Amino acid sequence: MMGDGKLSEEERTLLENTKAEEDTLMKDVQLRDQQNEARRKSVTLEMLLKTSICPHEDRVLIWPDPIESKTEGGIIKPKEVMEKERPLMGTVLAVGPAKRQEVSYTNKLLLAILRFLENTKDCYPTSGDIEREMEYATTPLKLGMHVLYGRFAGTPTEDPETKEPLLIMRPTDIFANV
């Protein structure tokens, strides 16, 4: 900067180039946000709930939330960071049938106690098939539920019709309902 408060030609050019780079970066981020929003609007939850992907055993199919391109403080994330980042929340699209468990000694003992109670007390609520109910683990996950899961949980895949990115994971990788 010159002594009289005016910018030299070199400094003025550098400042203009910096502003142009910032404007280009802002336009890229806005375009990326618009594309993500348009993609999210064009592919609805109802469309994905009709997916042909059926998870096996106790696995769960998750539609991950989009990654934000700005931090809460307003800092714009570069493309390289966006590509490496993975979402932590998503929507349950499908839940596989329960996984068959080994009937352990504890379960057998519990079955014996329940049978004894059924035979001795008329007021004890009976279940149609206790053995079958104990052999299968049930997951509390329901379709459309919003969940929080581990950063590197699940296997990435995509819906064959909508080409949306999806994750297949075990319910033990899901930490909470949101």
Protein backbone atom coordinates (compact mmCIF):
# COMPACT_ATOMS: atom_id res chain seq x y z
CA MET A 1 0.00 0.00 0.00
CA MET A 2 1.32 3.40 -0.87
CA GLY A 3 1.84 6.07 1.75
CA ASP A 4 -1.13 8.16 0.62
CA GLY A 5 -3.68 5.36 1.31
CA LYS A 6 -4.11 4.31 -2.32
CA LEU A 7 -3.56 0.77 -3.55
CA SER A 8 -0.83 0.03 -6.05
CA GLU A 9 -1.80 -1.58 -9.34
CA GLU A 10 -0.41 -4.95 -8.16
CA GLU A 11 -2.35 -4.83 -4.89
CA ARG A 12 -5.54 -3.83 -6.68
CA THR A 13 -5.18 -6.77 -9.11
CA LEU A 14 -4.53 -9.19 -6.23
CA LEU A 15 -7.60 -7.91 -4.36
CA GLU A 16 -9.81 -8.24 -7.46
CA ASN A 17 -8.56 -11.79 -8.08
CA THR A 18 -9.26 -12.75 -4.45
CA LYS A 19 -12.80 -11.35 -4.69
CA ALA A 20 -13.38 -13.22 -7.95
CA GLU A 21 -12.20 -16.49 -6.37
CA GLU A 22 -14.51 -15.95 -3.37
CA ASP A 23 -17.45 -15.23 -5.69
CA THR A 24 -16.73 -18.38 -7.71
CA LEU A 25 -16.51 -20.46 -4.53
CA MET A 26 -19.79 -19.01 -3.24
CA LYS A 27 -21.52 -19.75 -6.56
CA ASP A 28 -20.19 -23.34 -6.48
CA VAL A 29 -21.51 -23.85 -2.95
CA GLN A 30 -24.89 -22.33 -3.80
CA LEU A 31 -25.15 -24.50 -6.91
CA ARG A 32 -24.22 -27.62 -4.90
CA ASP A 33 -26.81 -26.74 -2.25
CA GLN A 34 -29.48 -26.19 -4.93
CA GLN A 35 -28.63 -29.52 -6.58
CA ASN A 36 -28.78 -31.36 -3.24
CA GLU A 37 -32.10 -29.73 -2.38
CA ALA A 38 -33.55 -30.46 -5.83
CA ARG A 39 -32.39 -34.07 -5.59
CA ARG A 40 -33.90 -34.43 -2.12
CA LYS A 41 -37.19 -32.91 -3.31
CA SER A 42 -37.36 -35.03 -6.46
CA VAL A 43 -36.76 -38.26 -4.53
CA THR A 44 -39.34 -38.54 -1.79
CA LEU A 45 -39.41 -40.83 1.20
CA GLU A 46 -42.49 -42.56 -0.25
CA MET A 47 -40.54 -43.42 -3.41
CA LEU A 48 -37.67 -44.90 -1.43
CA LEU A 49 -39.95 -46.87 0.89
CA LYS A 50 -41.00 -48.81 -2.23
CA THR A 51 -37.40 -49.83 -2.92
CA SER A 52 -36.65 -53.30 -4.21
CA ILE A 53 -33.77 -53.74 -1.74
CA CYS A 54 -34.75 -56.13 1.06
CA PRO A 55 -32.19 -56.46 3.88
CA HIS A 56 -31.54 -59.95 5.26
CA GLU A 57 -31.48 -61.12 8.87
CA ASP A 58 -31.37 -58.17 11.28
CA ARG A 59 -29.96 -55.63 8.83
CA VAL A 60 -31.50 -52.18 8.28
CA LEU A 61 -31.64 -50.05 5.11
CA ILE A 62 -30.94 -46.34 5.82
CA TRP A 63 -31.33 -43.26 3.61
CA PRO A 64 -28.59 -40.88 4.90
CA ASP A 65 -29.29 -37.18 5.33
CA PRO A 66 -27.43 -34.82 2.98
CA ILE A 67 -24.15 -33.34 4.17
CA GLU A 68 -24.26 -29.62 4.96
CA SER A 69 -21.90 -27.50 2.82
CA LYS A 70 -21.54 -24.81 5.49
CA THR A 71 -20.63 -25.04 9.15
CA GLU A 72 -22.79 -23.41 11.81
CA GLY A 73 -20.33 -20.52 11.89
CA GLY A 74 -20.84 -19.91 8.16
CA ILE A 75 -17.54 -21.40 6.96
CA ILE A 76 -17.88 -23.01 3.53
CA LYS A 77 -16.50 -26.54 3.29
CA PRO A 78 -14.32 -27.35 0.26
CA LYS A 79 -15.32 -30.14 -2.16
CA GLU A 80 -12.50 -32.40 -0.93
CA VAL A 81 -13.84 -32.26 2.64
CA MET A 82 -17.43 -32.80 1.47
CA GLU A 83 -16.41 -35.96 -0.41
CA LYS A 84 -14.67 -37.44 2.65
CA GLU A 85 -17.41 -36.55 5.14
CA ARG A 86 -20.14 -39.05 5.99
CA PRO A 87 -23.54 -38.23 7.46
CA LEU A 88 -24.46 -39.38 10.96
CA MET A 89 -28.25 -39.37 10.65
CA GLY A 90 -30.73 -40.92 8.28
CA THR A 91 -34.18 -42.42 7.75
CA VAL A 92 -35.02 -46.12 8.08
CA LEU A 93 -36.36 -47.46 4.76
CA ALA A 94 -36.49 -51.20 5.41
CA VAL A 95 -35.91 -53.58 8.31
CA GLY A 96 -34.97 -57.19 7.67
CA PRO A 97 -36.63 -60.10 9.41
CA ALA A 98 -35.30 -60.91 12.86
CA LYS A 99 -32.10 -62.88 13.24
CA ARG A 100 -32.44 -66.38 14.60
CA GLN A 101 -30.71 -66.72 17.97
CA GLU A 102 -29.11 -69.66 19.64
CA VAL A 103 -31.27 -70.94 22.48
CA SER A 104 -28.82 -70.71 25.35
CA TYR A 105 -28.91 -72.37 28.77
CA THR A 106 -30.36 -69.18 30.27
CA ASN A 107 -33.16 -69.13 27.69
CA LYS A 108 -33.91 -72.81 28.33
CA LEU A 109 -34.05 -72.14 32.07
CA LEU A 110 -36.35 -69.19 31.48
CA LEU A 111 -38.59 -71.36 29.29
CA ALA A 112 -38.79 -73.98 32.04
CA ILE A 113 -39.77 -71.31 34.60
CA LEU A 114 -42.42 -69.87 32.29
CA ARG A 115 -43.89 -73.31 31.62
CA PHE A 116 -43.97 -73.99 35.36
CA LEU A 117 -45.74 -70.68 36.00
CA GLU A 118 -48.22 -71.36 33.19
CA ASN A 119 -49.11 -74.72 34.71
CA THR A 120 -49.41 -73.50 38.31
CA LYS A 121 -51.19 -70.17 37.96
CA ASP A 122 -54.32 -69.62 35.96
CA CYS A 123 -53.90 -65.84 36.05
CA TYR A 124 -50.44 -65.89 34.39
CA PRO A 125 -50.68 -64.52 30.84
CA THR A 126 -49.85 -67.23 28.34
CA SER A 127 -48.29 -66.73 24.98
CA GLY A 128 -49.14 -68.89 21.98
CA ASP A 129 -45.62 -70.00 21.16
CA ILE A 130 -43.04 -68.94 23.75
CA GLU A 131 -40.20 -70.90 22.15
CA ARG A 132 -40.66 -69.22 18.78
CA GLU A 133 -40.83 -65.76 20.35
CA MET A 134 -37.62 -66.35 22.29
CA GLU A 135 -35.69 -67.69 19.28
CA TYR A 136 -36.03 -64.51 17.27
CA ALA A 137 -34.56 -61.15 18.20
CA THR A 138 -36.79 -58.22 17.43
CA THR A 139 -35.58 -54.72 16.61
CA PRO A 140 -37.53 -51.67 17.78
CA LEU A 141 -36.90 -49.90 14.45
CA LYS A 142 -39.86 -48.83 12.33
CA LEU A 143 -40.05 -47.60 8.74
CA GLY A 144 -39.63 -43.85 8.36
CA MET A 145 -37.90 -43.50 11.76
CA HIS A 146 -35.07 -40.91 11.89
CA VAL A 147 -31.96 -42.41 13.52
CA LEU A 148 -28.42 -41.52 14.58
CA TYR A 149 -25.68 -44.01 13.68
CA GLY A 150 -21.89 -44.39 13.76
CA ARG A 151 -19.70 -42.37 11.40
CA PHE A 152 -18.31 -45.38 9.50
CA ALA A 153 -21.28 -47.69 10.07
CA GLY A 154 -22.91 -49.55 7.23
CA THR A 155 -22.14 -50.59 3.71
CA PRO A 156 -22.80 -47.96 1.03
CA THR A 157 -25.12 -48.94 -1.84
CA GLU A 158 -27.63 -47.16 -4.04
CA ASP A 159 -31.26 -47.60 -4.92
CA PRO A 160 -31.49 -49.24 -8.37
CA GLU A 161 -34.36 -47.01 -9.54
CA THR A 162 -33.63 -43.57 -8.06
CA LYS A 163 -29.81 -43.93 -7.80
CA GLU A 164 -30.00 -42.47 -4.27
CA PRO A 165 -27.12 -43.36 -1.93
CA LEU A 166 -28.23 -45.80 0.81
CA LEU A 167 -26.58 -47.65 3.70
CA ILE A 168 -27.16 -51.21 4.89
CA MET A 169 -26.18 -51.72 8.52
CA ARG A 170 -26.87 -53.74 11.63
CA PRO A 171 -29.19 -52.33 14.32
CA THR A 172 -26.29 -52.42 16.78
CA ASP A 173 -24.63 -49.64 14.71
CA ILE A 174 -27.65 -47.40 15.36
CA PHE A 175 -27.25 -45.35 18.54
CA ALA A 176 -30.54 -43.49 18.96
CA ASN A 177 -33.83 -42.40 17.48
CA VAL A 178 -33.91 -38.70 16.71
